[in-house]
Amino acid sequence: MKESLRKCLAISVCLLVLASGAQAVIGLTTRFVDVVLEGLSLGGVYSLRAMKNVPYVVSNRGELPMEIVVEVMPPSSGDLQQSYEPIPDPSWVQVIPDRFNLGIGDSQFSEIVLSIPQDSKLQGRHFQAAIWAHAVDTGFMAVGVRSRLRFSIGQGPESLLAEKKRKAMLSLDLDLRPAKIYVLDVPVGEQEAYDPYEDRKGSKRRLTVTNRAEDTVKLNFTSMPWDVRYRRYTLPPGYEPAPDPAWLSFDPAKTDVEGEMIKGVRLKLKIPDKPEYRGKKYAFLISASIEGQAVPLELASLVFITTATESSTGKEKPAAPAAPEKDSGEDDAR
C-alpha cells in the first residue's frame, strides 16, 4: 500500500485574559497541523502513531492549568482544501484520550485512529476532517488549536494529478533544454535588457524547445517566484532567489512550436543599479506552461546568474567568479 504523509510546522494560539484581577496568558500549541494520508483501503483501521510515528501532541504554553477536550468535526467551508470533501462521519476518527488535564508547560500525547468503512462508494475519494483541541470550564473565552487531517481511499489528489501530467507529457513528446543555465557577470543598470545569447556570440545561453510530435504546441514563458510550490528544486550553495522574478523576461514570451520542430527562446535580464544587487548570485525559475491541455502542464528550467560588482556606468568590471559545478545527470549551459 502506497502511503504519503506530510507534517507542517507547529502553530499556536495564545490569548491574554484577566484572571483574579491579574493578567495571564493561556495558550495551546500542536505540531499536528496538516497531515495528509493516501493509499488507504476500504475497511482499514490505521493508527497514525503506529503507522507513521505521528503522535497527536497538545502542549500548554500558557500560565494557567487547563482541562482540554479534543473534538473531530467536518472542516469549515473556508478551510476545505481543493479536491477534498468534508468527512461524512467524524466518528471515523478517534482521538485517545480525547479529554485530559494540562498543567503549566505540560504536553499530552494522544493516539489518532482512523477507521474506513467497508463501502465501495468511498473508493477513490478524498476526505478532510478538522481536529479541535480546546479548553473547557476555564471561565474565560475558549482557547483552542485546530489541526487538519486529509486522507484518500486510494491515490491522493497530488499523485493522481502527477500521473495525469506524466501521461500527457509522454503523448506530447516535448522538452525544454537546458535544464540549467549559468550566466556570469550580468551587468546592472543597463538601459536595455541584457541578452546573454547575443553577448556571448552564439553560446548556448538560450532556451530550446523541441516538439517531436505532429501537433503544434502553444507555450507561455514566465519567470516564477521561488516558493514552496517548487520545493523539488534546490539552490546551489551561495545562491538566493532573485528579489524580483520580473528581472528575467523572454523573447518571445509566447510562442507556437510546430510539430517536429525546434524553436529557440532568448533570455532578457534587466537588473536595477542598486549597491545591494551588485556581486550577487541569484536564481530564477522558468515556467513554460502549455495551453489547451485537459490538465495543467508546464516545462521548467532554472537560470542562475552572478551580477557584476560594478555599475554598467562605473569602472571596468573584474573577472567573474567560477560557475558552480554541474550536477551529475543534468544538462546545463554556461
C-alpha atoms as a PDB file:
ATOM      1  CA  MET A   1       0.000   0.000   0.000  1.00  0.00           C
ATOM      2  CA  LYS A   2       1.383   3.334  -1.022  1.00  0.00           C
ATOM      3  CA  GLU A   3       1.182   5.978   1.689  1.00  0.00           C
ATOM      4  CA  SER A   4       2.430   9.528   1.874  1.00  0.00           C
ATOM      5  CA  LEU A   5       2.487  11.803   4.891  1.00  0.00           C
ATOM      6  CA  ARG A   6       3.336  15.426   5.347  1.00  0.00           C
ATOM      7  CA  LYS A   7       3.577  17.468   8.514  1.00  0.00           C
ATOM      8  CA  CYS A   8       3.743  21.229   8.768  1.00  0.00           C
ATOM      9  CA  LEU A   9       5.442  23.317  11.434  1.00  0.00           C
ATOM     10  CA  ALA A  10       3.856  23.894  14.813  1.00  0.00           C
ATOM     11  CA  ILE A  11       1.174  26.514  15.295  1.00  0.00           C
ATOM     12  CA  SER A  12      -0.017  28.091  18.481  1.00  0.00           C
ATOM     13  CA  VAL A  13      -2.914  30.075  19.838  1.00  0.00           C
ATOM     14  CA  CYS A  14      -2.454  32.376  22.823  1.00  0.00           C
ATOM     15  CA  LEU A  15      -4.877  34.782  24.477  1.00  0.00           C
ATOM     16  CA  LEU A  16      -4.338  37.465  27.082  1.00  0.00           C
ATOM     17  CA  VAL A  17      -7.087  37.187  29.702  1.00  0.00           C
ATOM     18  CA  LEU A  18      -7.911  38.544  33.136  1.00  0.00           C
ATOM     19  CA  ALA A  19      -7.677  36.037  35.974  1.00  0.00           C
ATOM     20  CA  SER A  20      -8.402  37.056  39.567  1.00  0.00           C
ATOM     21  CA  GLY A  21      -7.621  40.674  38.749  1.00  0.00           C
ATOM     22  CA  ALA A  22      -4.231  39.826  37.220  1.00  0.00           C
ATOM     23  CA  GLN A  23      -3.152  39.252  33.660  1.00  0.00           C
ATOM     24  CA  ALA A  24      -2.294  35.740  32.498  1.00  0.00           C
ATOM     25  CA  VAL A  25      -1.561  34.151  29.156  1.00  0.00           C
ATOM     26  CA  ILE A  26      -3.401  30.988  28.197  1.00  0.00           C
ATOM     27  CA  GLY A  27      -2.351  29.138  25.072  1.00  0.00           C
ATOM     28  CA  LEU A  28      -2.166  25.785  23.333  1.00  0.00           C
ATOM     29  CA  THR A  29       0.211  24.529  20.666  1.00  0.00           C
ATOM     30  CA  THR A  30       0.406  21.436  18.490  1.00  0.00           C
ATOM     31  CA  ARG A  31       2.772  20.111  15.844  1.00  0.00           C
ATOM     32  CA  PHE A  32      -0.023  18.101  14.248  1.00  0.00           C
ATOM     33  CA  VAL A  33      -1.170  20.807  11.843  1.00  0.00           C
ATOM     34  CA  ASP A  34      -1.802  19.383   8.360  1.00  0.00           C
ATOM     35  CA  VAL A  35      -1.385  15.635   7.918  1.00  0.00           C
ATOM     36  CA  VAL A  36      -2.048  14.001   4.542  1.00  0.00           C
ATOM     37  CA  LEU A  37      -2.510  10.243   4.016  1.00  0.00           C
ATOM     38  CA  GLU A  38      -3.094   8.367   0.792  1.00  0.00           C
ATOM     39  CA  GLY A  39      -3.275   4.759  -0.299  1.00  0.00           C
ATOM     40  CA  LEU A  40      -5.788   3.808   2.401  1.00  0.00           C
ATOM     41  CA  SER A  41      -8.040   0.776   1.880  1.00  0.00           C
ATOM     42  CA  LEU A  42     -11.732   0.153   2.416  1.00  0.00           C
ATOM     43  CA  GLY A  43     -12.314  -1.431   5.823  1.00  0.00           C
ATOM     44  CA  GLY A  44      -8.841  -0.452   7.027  1.00  0.00           C
ATOM     45  CA  VAL A  45      -8.055   0.729  10.555  1.00  0.00           C
ATOM     46  CA  TYR A  46      -4.993   2.959  10.887  1.00  0.00           C
ATOM     47  CA  SER A  47      -3.154   4.274  13.927  1.00  0.00           C
ATOM     48  CA  LEU A  48      -1.226   7.322  12.770  1.00  0.00           C
ATOM     49  CA  ARG A  49       1.336   6.906  15.536  1.00  0.00           C
ATOM     50  CA  ALA A  50       1.974   3.207  14.822  1.00  0.00           C
ATOM     51  CA  MET A  51       1.815   3.587  11.043  1.00  0.00           C
ATOM     52  CA  LYS A  52       3.951   6.680  10.546  1.00  0.00           C
ATOM     53  CA  ASN A  53       5.119   7.660  14.031  1.00  0.00           C
ATOM     54  CA  VAL A  54       2.893  10.731  14.051  1.00  0.00           C
ATOM     55  CA  PRO A  55       1.507  11.320  17.538  1.00  0.00           C
ATOM     56  CA  TYR A  56      -1.057  13.983  18.257  1.00  0.00           C
ATOM     57  CA  VAL A  57       0.517  16.242  20.885  1.00  0.00           C
ATOM     58  CA  VAL A  58      -1.084  19.238  22.594  1.00  0.00           C
ATOM     59  CA  SER A  59       1.037  21.467  24.819  1.00  0.00           C
ATOM     60  CA  ASN A  60       0.087  24.119  27.363  1.00  0.00           C
ATOM     61  CA  ARG A  61       2.273  27.175  26.711  1.00  0.00           C
ATOM     62  CA  GLY A  62       0.243  29.437  28.972  1.00  0.00           C
ATOM     63  CA  GLU A  63       0.353  30.384  32.621  1.00  0.00           C
ATOM     64  CA  LEU A  64      -2.744  28.511  33.819  1.00  0.00           C
ATOM     65  CA  PRO A  65      -3.619  24.802  34.045  1.00  0.00           C
ATOM     66  CA  MET A  66      -6.453  23.755  31.718  1.00  0.00           C
ATOM     67  CA  GLU A  67      -8.833  20.911  31.055  1.00  0.00           C
ATOM     68  CA  ILE A  68      -8.743  20.040  27.341  1.00  0.00           C
ATOM     69  CA  VAL A  69     -11.325  18.377  25.114  1.00  0.00           C
ATOM     70  CA  VAL A  70     -10.454  17.223  21.591  1.00  0.00           C
ATOM     71  CA  GLU A  71     -13.270  17.110  19.045  1.00  0.00           C
ATOM     72  CA  VAL A  72     -13.330  15.815  15.462  1.00  0.00           C
ATOM     73  CA  MET A  73     -15.639  17.611  13.030  1.00  0.00           C
ATOM     74  CA  PRO A  74     -16.053  18.458   9.338  1.00  0.00           C
ATOM     75  CA  PRO A  75     -13.845  21.363   8.208  1.00  0.00           C
ATOM     76  CA  SER A  76     -15.228  24.844   7.731  1.00  0.00           C
ATOM     77  CA  SER A  77     -16.005  25.806   4.150  1.00  0.00           C
ATOM     78  CA  GLY A  78     -13.146  28.300   4.183  1.00  0.00           C
ATOM     79  CA  ASP A  79     -10.605  25.652   5.221  1.00  0.00           C
ATOM     80  CA  LEU A  80     -11.703  22.847   2.872  1.00  0.00           C
ATOM     81  CA  GLN A  81      -8.805  22.107   0.518  1.00  0.00           C
ATOM     82  CA  GLN A  82      -9.177  21.658  -3.217  1.00  0.00           C
ATOM     83  CA  SER A  83     -10.149  18.128  -4.349  1.00  0.00           C
ATOM     84  CA  TYR A  84     -11.264  17.127  -0.821  1.00  0.00           C
ATOM     85  CA  GLU A  85     -14.769  16.740   0.604  1.00  0.00           C
ATOM     86  CA  PRO A  86     -15.819  17.063   4.265  1.00  0.00           C
ATOM     87  CA  ILE A  87     -15.626  13.839   6.237  1.00  0.00           C
ATOM     88  CA  PRO A  88     -19.154  12.316   6.151  1.00  0.00           C
ATOM     89  CA  ASP A  89     -18.930  10.921   9.677  1.00  0.00           C
ATOM     90  CA  PRO A  90     -16.461  12.352  12.241  1.00  0.00           C
ATOM     91  CA  SER A  91     -16.671   9.081  14.190  1.00  0.00           C
ATOM     92  CA  TRP A  92     -14.292   7.617  11.577  1.00  0.00           C
ATOM     93  CA  VAL A  93     -11.568   9.451  13.533  1.00  0.00           C
ATOM     94  CA  GLN A  94     -10.953   8.666  17.199  1.00  0.00           C
ATOM     95  CA  VAL A  95      -8.613  10.580  19.498  1.00  0.00           C
ATOM     96  CA  ILE A  96      -7.461   8.554  22.521  1.00  0.00           C
ATOM     97  CA  PRO A  97      -7.595  10.154  25.062  1.00  0.00           C
ATOM     98  CA  ASP A  98      -9.832  12.984  23.926  1.00  0.00           C
ATOM     99  CA  ARG A  99     -10.180  14.667  27.347  1.00  0.00           C
ATOM    100  CA  PHE A 100      -7.309  15.433  29.721  1.00  0.00           C
ATOM    101  CA  ASN A 101      -5.807  17.977  32.092  1.00  0.00           C
ATOM    102  CA  LEU A 102      -2.762  20.024  31.144  1.00  0.00           C
ATOM    103  CA  GLY A 103      -0.637  21.649  33.813  1.00  0.00           C
ATOM    104  CA  ILE A 104       1.504  24.667  33.066  1.00  0.00           C
ATOM    105  CA  GLY A 105       4.127  23.623  30.493  1.00  0.00           C
ATOM    106  CA  ASP A 106       2.702  20.091  30.182  1.00  0.00           C
ATOM    107  CA  SER A 107       2.132  18.147  26.957  1.00  0.00           C
ATOM    108  CA  GLN A 108      -0.323  15.331  26.238  1.00  0.00           C
ATOM    109  CA  PHE A 109       0.291  12.575  23.670  1.00  0.00           C
ATOM    110  CA  SER A 110      -2.834  11.079  22.108  1.00  0.00           C
ATOM    111  CA  GLU A 111      -3.421   8.366  19.536  1.00  0.00           C
ATOM    112  CA  ILE A 112      -5.406   9.143  16.401  1.00  0.00           C
ATOM    113  CA  VAL A 113      -7.111   6.089  14.935  1.00  0.00           C
ATOM    114  CA  LEU A 114      -8.744   6.302  11.508  1.00  0.00           C
ATOM    115  CA  SER A 115     -11.317   3.654  10.535  1.00  0.00           C
ATOM    116  CA  ILE A 116     -12.504   3.412   6.919  1.00  0.00           C
ATOM    117  CA  PRO A 117     -15.929   1.784   6.371  1.00  0.00           C
ATOM    118  CA  GLN A 118     -16.201  -1.154   4.011  1.00  0.00           C
ATOM    119  CA  ASP A 119     -18.208   0.790   1.422  1.00  0.00           C
ATOM    120  CA  SER A 120     -17.333   0.608  -2.276  1.00  0.00           C
ATOM    121  CA  LYS A 121     -18.812   4.085  -2.828  1.00  0.00           C
ATOM    122  CA  LEU A 122     -15.860   5.535  -0.904  1.00  0.00           C
ATOM    123  CA  GLN A 123     -13.185   4.167  -3.246  1.00  0.00           C
ATOM    124  CA  GLY A 124     -11.110   6.871  -4.935  1.00  0.00           C
ATOM    125  CA  ARG A 125     -12.495   9.702  -2.798  1.00  0.00           C
ATOM    126  CA  HIS A 126     -10.614  12.242  -0.695  1.00  0.00           C
ATOM    127  CA  PHE A 127     -11.808  13.456   2.699  1.00  0.00           C
ATOM    128  CA  GLN A 128     -10.845  16.149   5.190  1.00  0.00           C
ATOM    129  CA  ALA A 129     -11.523  16.444   8.928  1.00  0.00           C
ATOM    130  CA  ALA A 130     -10.836  19.147  11.492  1.00  0.00           C
ATOM    131  CA  ILE A 131      -9.414  18.253  14.903  1.00  0.00           C
ATOM    132  CA  TRP A 132     -10.118  20.911  17.517  1.00  0.00           C
ATOM    133  CA  ALA A 133      -8.440  20.832  20.917  1.00  0.00           C
ATOM    134  CA  HIS A 134      -9.838  23.464  23.257  1.00  0.00           C
ATOM    135  CA  ALA A 135     -10.024  24.383  26.900  1.00  0.00           C
ATOM    136  CA  VAL A 136     -13.240  23.876  28.873  1.00  0.00           C
ATOM    137  CA  ASP A 137     -14.501  25.196  32.215  1.00  0.00           C
ATOM    138  CA  THR A 138     -11.867  27.923  32.349  1.00  0.00           C
ATOM    139  CA  GLY A 139     -14.309  30.733  32.948  1.00  0.00           C
ATOM    140  CA  PHE A 140     -12.589  32.614  30.129  1.00  0.00           C
ATOM    141  CA  MET A 141     -13.011  32.950  26.405  1.00  0.00           C
ATOM    142  CA  ALA A 142     -12.321  29.477  24.986  1.00  0.00           C
ATOM    143  CA  VAL A 143      -8.798  28.930  23.706  1.00  0.00           C
ATOM    144  CA  GLY A 144      -8.063  26.175  21.231  1.00  0.00           C
ATOM    145  CA  VAL A 145      -5.962  24.960  18.356  1.00  0.00           C
ATOM    146  CA  ARG A 146      -7.197  23.340  15.144  1.00  0.00           C
ATOM    147  CA  SER A 147      -5.484  20.696  13.048  1.00  0.00           C
ATOM    148  CA  ARG A 148      -6.248  19.343   9.607  1.00  0.00           C
ATOM    149  CA  LEU A 149      -6.380  15.656   8.659  1.00  0.00           C
ATOM    150  CA  ARG A 150      -6.706  14.728   4.981  1.00  0.00           C
ATOM    151  CA  PHE A 151      -6.855  11.186   3.639  1.00  0.00           C
ATOM    152  CA  SER A 152      -7.568   9.373   0.385  1.00  0.00           C
ATOM    153  CA  ILE A 153      -9.059   5.962  -0.302  1.00  0.00           C
ATOM    154  CA  GLY A 154      -6.567   5.013  -2.991  1.00  0.00           C
ATOM    155  CA  GLN A 155      -4.240   7.538  -4.616  1.00  0.00           C
ATOM    156  CA  GLY A 156      -4.312  11.118  -3.346  1.00  0.00           C
ATOM    157  CA  PRO A 157      -5.127  14.174  -5.482  1.00  0.00           C
ATOM    158  CA  GLU A 158      -1.498  15.166  -5.950  1.00  0.00           C
ATOM    159  CA  SER A 159      -0.426  11.668  -7.018  1.00  0.00           C
ATOM    160  CA  LEU A 160      -3.343  11.395  -9.432  1.00  0.00           C
ATOM    161  CA  LEU A 161      -2.565  14.773 -10.972  1.00  0.00           C
ATOM    162  CA  ALA A 162       1.139  13.917 -11.275  1.00  0.00           C
ATOM    163  CA  GLU A 163       0.249  10.672 -13.061  1.00  0.00           C
ATOM    164  CA  LYS A 164      -2.080  12.511 -15.463  1.00  0.00           C
ATOM    165  CA  LYS A 165       0.640  15.054 -16.184  1.00  0.00           C
ATOM    166  CA  ARG A 166       3.214  12.323 -16.817  1.00  0.00           C
ATOM    167  CA  LYS A 167       0.967  10.565 -19.328  1.00  0.00           C
ATOM    168  CA  ALA A 168       0.050  13.832 -21.027  1.00  0.00           C
ATOM    169  CA  MET A 169       3.702  14.837 -21.376  1.00  0.00           C
ATOM    170  CA  LEU A 170       4.551  11.459 -22.890  1.00  0.00           C
ATOM    171  CA  SER A 171       1.838  11.930 -25.509  1.00  0.00           C
ATOM    172  CA  LEU A 172       3.123  15.436 -26.295  1.00  0.00           C
ATOM    173  CA  ASP A 173       6.772  14.330 -26.636  1.00  0.00           C
ATOM    174  CA  LEU A 174       8.055  17.802 -25.789  1.00  0.00           C
ATOM    175  CA  ASP A 175      11.101  19.004 -23.892  1.00  0.00           C
ATOM    176  CA  LEU A 176      12.813  22.207 -22.803  1.00  0.00           C
ATOM    177  CA  ARG A 177      16.600  22.472 -22.668  1.00  0.00           C
ATOM    178  CA  PRO A 178      18.884  23.177 -20.975  1.00  0.00           C
ATOM    179  CA  ALA A 179      17.628  22.278 -17.527  1.00  0.00           C
ATOM    180  CA  LYS A 180      20.004  24.846 -16.015  1.00  0.00           C
ATOM    181  CA  ILE A 181      21.678  27.942 -17.412  1.00  0.00           C
ATOM    182  CA  TYR A 182      24.509  29.761 -15.644  1.00  0.00           C
ATOM    183  CA  VAL A 183      25.282  33.354 -16.643  1.00  0.00           C
ATOM    184  CA  LEU A 184      28.232  35.216 -15.105  1.00  0.00           C
ATOM    185  CA  ASP A 185      28.924  38.924 -14.749  1.00  0.00           C
ATOM    186  CA  VAL A 186      25.445  40.129 -15.666  1.00  0.00           C
ATOM    187  CA  PRO A 187      25.520  43.950 -15.882  1.00  0.00           C
ATOM    188  CA  VAL A 188      23.424  46.085 -13.560  1.00  0.00           C
ATOM    189  CA  GLY A 189      21.826  49.371 -14.521  1.00  0.00           C
ATOM    190  CA  GLU A 190      21.777  48.839 -18.299  1.00  0.00           C
ATOM    191  CA  GLN A 191      19.179  50.838 -20.234  1.00  0.00           C
ATOM    192  CA  GLU A 192      18.449  47.859 -22.465  1.00  0.00           C
ATOM    193  CA  ALA A 193      17.817  44.328 -21.199  1.00  0.00           C
ATOM    194  CA  TYR A 194      20.895  42.122 -21.276  1.00  0.00           C
ATOM    195  CA  ASP A 195      20.738  39.163 -23.683  1.00  0.00           C
ATOM    196  CA  PRO A 196      23.347  36.528 -22.719  1.00  0.00           C
ATOM    197  CA  TYR A 197      22.897  34.716 -26.046  1.00  0.00           C
ATOM    198  CA  GLU A 198      23.732  37.856 -28.043  1.00  0.00           C
ATOM    199  CA  ASP A 199      26.568  38.872 -25.731  1.00  0.00           C
ATOM    200  CA  ARG A 200      28.322  35.509 -25.984  1.00  0.00           C
ATOM    201  CA  LYS A 201      28.111  35.379 -29.789  1.00  0.00           C
ATOM    202  CA  GLY A 202      26.446  32.024 -30.290  1.00  0.00           C
ATOM    203  CA  SER A 203      26.962  30.285 -26.977  1.00  0.00           C
ATOM    204  CA  LYS A 204      24.006  28.159 -25.876  1.00  0.00           C
ATOM    205  CA  ARG A 205      22.668  30.660 -23.368  1.00  0.00           C
ATOM    206  CA  ARG A 206      19.092  30.476 -24.526  1.00  0.00           C
ATOM    207  CA  LEU A 207      16.216  28.019 -24.161  1.00  0.00           C
ATOM    208  CA  THR A 208      15.414  25.454 -26.831  1.00  0.00           C
ATOM    209  CA  VAL A 209      12.028  23.787 -27.178  1.00  0.00           C
ATOM    210  CA  THR A 210      11.892  20.512 -29.109  1.00  0.00           C
ATOM    211  CA  ASN A 211       8.495  19.295 -30.293  1.00  0.00           C
ATOM    212  CA  ARG A 212       8.799  15.742 -31.628  1.00  0.00           C
ATOM    213  CA  ALA A 213       5.050  15.250 -32.000  1.00  0.00           C
ATOM    214  CA  GLU A 214       2.992  16.201 -35.055  1.00  0.00           C
ATOM    215  CA  ASP A 215       0.696  18.789 -33.460  1.00  0.00           C
ATOM    216  CA  THR A 216       1.596  22.431 -32.795  1.00  0.00           C
ATOM    217  CA  VAL A 217       2.117  23.337 -29.138  1.00  0.00           C
ATOM    218  CA  LYS A 218       1.469  26.798 -27.675  1.00  0.00           C
ATOM    219  CA  LEU A 219       3.798  27.861 -24.854  1.00  0.00           C
ATOM    220  CA  ASN A 220       3.743  30.798 -22.408  1.00  0.00           C
ATOM    221  CA  PHE A 221       7.055  31.590 -20.681  1.00  0.00           C
ATOM    222  CA  THR A 222       7.000  33.128 -17.200  1.00  0.00           C
ATOM    223  CA  SER A 223       9.608  33.882 -14.567  1.00  0.00           C
ATOM    224  CA  MET A 224       8.092  32.447 -11.385  1.00  0.00           C
ATOM    225  CA  PRO A 225       8.571  33.275  -7.693  1.00  0.00           C
ATOM    226  CA  TRP A 226      10.814  30.749  -6.000  1.00  0.00           C
ATOM    227  CA  ASP A 227       8.441  29.481  -3.330  1.00  0.00           C
ATOM    228  CA  VAL A 228       7.267  26.292  -1.669  1.00  0.00           C
ATOM    229  CA  ARG A 229       5.355  25.155  -4.740  1.00  0.00           C
ATOM    230  CA  TYR A 230       8.705  24.386  -6.311  1.00  0.00           C
ATOM    231  CA  ARG A 231      10.396  22.726  -3.339  1.00  0.00           C
ATOM    232  CA  ARG A 232      11.637  19.961  -5.646  1.00  0.00           C
ATOM    233  CA  TYR A 233      14.265  22.439  -6.850  1.00  0.00           C
ATOM    234  CA  THR A 234      17.246  23.240  -4.644  1.00  0.00           C
ATOM    235  CA  LEU A 235      19.505  26.276  -4.678  1.00  0.00           C
ATOM    236  CA  PRO A 236      23.236  25.777  -5.233  1.00  0.00           C
ATOM    237  CA  PRO A 237      25.417  26.999  -2.356  1.00  0.00           C
ATOM    238  CA  GLY A 238      25.702  30.774  -2.288  1.00  0.00           C
ATOM    239  CA  TYR A 239      22.633  31.452  -4.457  1.00  0.00           C
ATOM    240  CA  GLU A 240      19.375  33.062  -3.371  1.00  0.00           C
ATOM    241  CA  PRO A 241      16.042  33.601  -5.142  1.00  0.00           C
ATOM    242  CA  ALA A 242      16.011  36.742  -7.268  1.00  0.00           C
ATOM    243  CA  PRO A 243      14.324  39.607  -5.379  1.00  0.00           C
ATOM    244  CA  ASP A 244      12.099  40.256  -8.403  1.00  0.00           C
ATOM    245  CA  PRO A 245      11.289  37.454 -10.886  1.00  0.00           C
ATOM    246  CA  ALA A 246      10.324  40.130 -13.447  1.00  0.00           C
ATOM    247  CA  TRP A 247      14.017  40.937 -13.907  1.00  0.00           C
ATOM    248  CA  LEU A 248      14.013  37.947 -16.255  1.00  0.00           C
ATOM    249  CA  SER A 249      11.859  38.113 -19.393  1.00  0.00           C
ATOM    250  CA  PHE A 250      11.694  36.182 -22.656  1.00  0.00           C
ATOM    251  CA  ASP A 251      11.841  36.796 -26.387  1.00  0.00           C
ATOM    252  CA  PRO A 252       9.294  35.622 -27.363  1.00  0.00           C
ATOM    253  CA  ALA A 253       7.251  35.221 -24.158  1.00  0.00           C
ATOM    254  CA  LYS A 254       4.539  33.367 -26.125  1.00  0.00           C
ATOM    255  CA  THR A 255       5.373  31.051 -28.965  1.00  0.00           C
ATOM    256  CA  ASP A 256       3.904  28.316 -31.157  1.00  0.00           C
ATOM    257  CA  VAL A 257       6.175  25.347 -31.755  1.00  0.00           C
ATOM    258  CA  GLU A 258       5.028  23.409 -34.791  1.00  0.00           C
ATOM    259  CA  GLY A 259       5.186  19.639 -34.976  1.00  0.00           C
ATOM    260  CA  GLU A 260       8.635  18.094 -35.469  1.00  0.00           C
ATOM    261  CA  MET A 261      10.292  21.481 -34.976  1.00  0.00           C
ATOM    262  CA  ILE A 262      12.893  23.078 -32.684  1.00  0.00           C
ATOM    263  CA  LYS A 263      12.494  26.659 -31.505  1.00  0.00           C
ATOM    264  CA  GLY A 264      14.774  28.949 -29.516  1.00  0.00           C
ATOM    265  CA  VAL A 265      13.688  31.410 -26.837  1.00  0.00           C
ATOM    266  CA  ARG A 266      16.094  34.114 -25.727  1.00  0.00           C
ATOM    267  CA  LEU A 267      16.516  35.404 -22.198  1.00  0.00           C
ATOM    268  CA  LYS A 268      16.422  39.078 -21.261  1.00  0.00           C
ATOM    269  CA  LEU A 269      17.879  40.215 -17.919  1.00  0.00           C
ATOM    270  CA  LYS A 270      17.459  43.711 -16.509  1.00  0.00           C
ATOM    271  CA  ILE A 271      18.932  44.221 -13.034  1.00  0.00           C
ATOM    272  CA  PRO A 272      18.381  47.600 -11.312  1.00  0.00           C
ATOM    273  CA  ASP A 273      21.506  49.544 -10.445  1.00  0.00           C
ATOM    274  CA  LYS A 274      21.492  49.376  -6.659  1.00  0.00           C
ATOM    275  CA  PRO A 275      24.508  48.540  -4.477  1.00  0.00           C
ATOM    276  CA  GLU A 276      22.681  45.640  -2.823  1.00  0.00           C
ATOM    277  CA  TYR A 277      22.203  43.946  -6.216  1.00  0.00           C
ATOM    278  CA  ARG A 278      25.879  44.038  -7.246  1.00  0.00           C
ATOM    279  CA  GLY A 279      28.106  40.993  -6.892  1.00  0.00           C
ATOM    280  CA  LYS A 280      25.156  38.764  -6.014  1.00  0.00           C
ATOM    281  CA  LYS A 281      24.166  35.236  -7.018  1.00  0.00           C
ATOM    282  CA  TYR A 282      20.503  34.975  -7.986  1.00  0.00           C
ATOM    283  CA  ALA A 283      18.293  32.101  -9.075  1.00  0.00           C
ATOM    284  CA  PHE A 284      15.306  32.298 -11.410  1.00  0.00           C
ATOM    285  CA  LEU A 285      12.673  29.655 -12.032  1.00  0.00           C
ATOM    286  CA  ILE A 286      11.226  29.457 -15.551  1.00  0.00           C
ATOM    287  CA  SER A 287       7.781  28.013 -16.229  1.00  0.00           C
ATOM    288  CA  ALA A 288       6.739  27.204 -19.786  1.00  0.00           C
ATOM    289  CA  SER A 289       3.016  26.499 -19.479  1.00  0.00           C
ATOM    290  CA  ILE A 290       1.318  24.549 -22.254  1.00  0.00           C
ATOM    291  CA  GLU A 291      -2.049  25.799 -23.491  1.00  0.00           C
ATOM    292  CA  GLY A 292      -5.054  23.718 -24.450  1.00  0.00           C
ATOM    293  CA  GLN A 293      -4.480  20.715 -22.180  1.00  0.00           C
ATOM    294  CA  ALA A 294      -7.050  18.867 -20.078  1.00  0.00           C
ATOM    295  CA  VAL A 295      -4.680  19.061 -17.098  1.00  0.00           C
ATOM    296  CA  PRO A 296      -2.325  21.981 -16.395  1.00  0.00           C
ATOM    297  CA  LEU A 297       1.083  21.177 -17.854  1.00  0.00           C
ATOM    298  CA  GLU A 298       4.351  23.031 -17.737  1.00  0.00           C
ATOM    299  CA  LEU A 299       8.001  22.603 -18.524  1.00  0.00           C
ATOM    300  CA  ALA A 300      10.610  24.133 -16.241  1.00  0.00           C
ATOM    301  CA  SER A 301      14.168  25.377 -16.381  1.00  0.00           C
ATOM    302  CA  LEU A 302      16.470  27.193 -13.963  1.00  0.00           C
ATOM    303  CA  VAL A 303      18.658  30.247 -14.531  1.00  0.00           C
ATOM    304  CA  PHE A 304      21.498  31.091 -12.140  1.00  0.00           C
ATOM    305  CA  ILE A 305      23.213  34.431 -12.553  1.00  0.00           C
ATOM    306  CA  THR A 306      26.086  36.298 -10.955  1.00  0.00           C
ATOM    307  CA  THR A 307      25.744  40.073 -11.175  1.00  0.00           C
ATOM    308  CA  ALA A 308      28.633  42.413 -11.879  1.00  0.00           C
ATOM    309  CA  THR A 309      30.291  44.061  -8.915  1.00  0.00           C
ATOM    310  CA  GLU A 310      30.253  47.492 -10.601  1.00  0.00           C
ATOM    311  CA  SER A 311      27.528  49.531 -12.253  1.00  0.00           C
ATOM    312  CA  SER A 312      27.453  49.409 -16.061  1.00  0.00           C
ATOM    313  CA  THR A 313      28.277  53.124 -15.945  1.00  0.00           C
ATOM    314  CA  GLY A 314      31.131  52.608 -13.492  1.00  0.00           C
ATOM    315  CA  LYS A 315      34.636  51.229 -13.786  1.00  0.00           C
ATOM    316  CA  GLU A 316      35.705  48.149 -15.631  1.00  0.00           C
ATOM    317  CA  LYS A 317      34.336  45.001 -14.092  1.00  0.00           C
ATOM    318  CA  PRO A 318      36.636  42.405 -12.510  1.00  0.00           C
ATOM    319  CA  ALA A 319      36.799  38.831 -13.706  1.00  0.00           C
ATOM    320  CA  ALA A 320      33.663  36.843 -12.946  1.00  0.00           C
ATOM    321  CA  PRO A 321      33.821  34.092 -10.304  1.00  0.00           C
ATOM    322  CA  ALA A 322      33.719  30.468 -11.356  1.00  0.00           C
ATOM    323  CA  ALA A 323      30.294  28.936 -12.012  1.00  0.00           C
ATOM    324  CA  PRO A 324      29.018  26.199  -9.682  1.00  0.00           C
ATOM    325  CA  GLU A 325      29.902  22.668 -10.596  1.00  0.00           C
ATOM    326  CA  LYS A 326      27.412  20.893 -12.825  1.00  0.00           C
ATOM    327  CA  ASP A 327      25.181  18.354 -11.091  1.00  0.00           C
ATOM    328  CA  SER A 328      25.671  14.852 -12.435  1.00  0.00           C
ATOM    329  CA  GLY A 329      22.929  13.678 -14.756  1.00  0.00           C
ATOM    330  CA  GLU A 330      21.589  17.165 -15.514  1.00  0.00           C
ATOM    331  CA  ASP A 331      22.310  19.240 -18.589  1.00  0.00           C
ATOM    332  CA  ASP A 332      23.091  22.922 -18.342  1.00  0.00           C
ATOM    333  CA  ALA A 333      24.579  25.774 -20.299  1.00  0.00           C
ATOM    334  CA  ARG A 334      27.227  28.165 -19.076  1.00  0.00           C
END
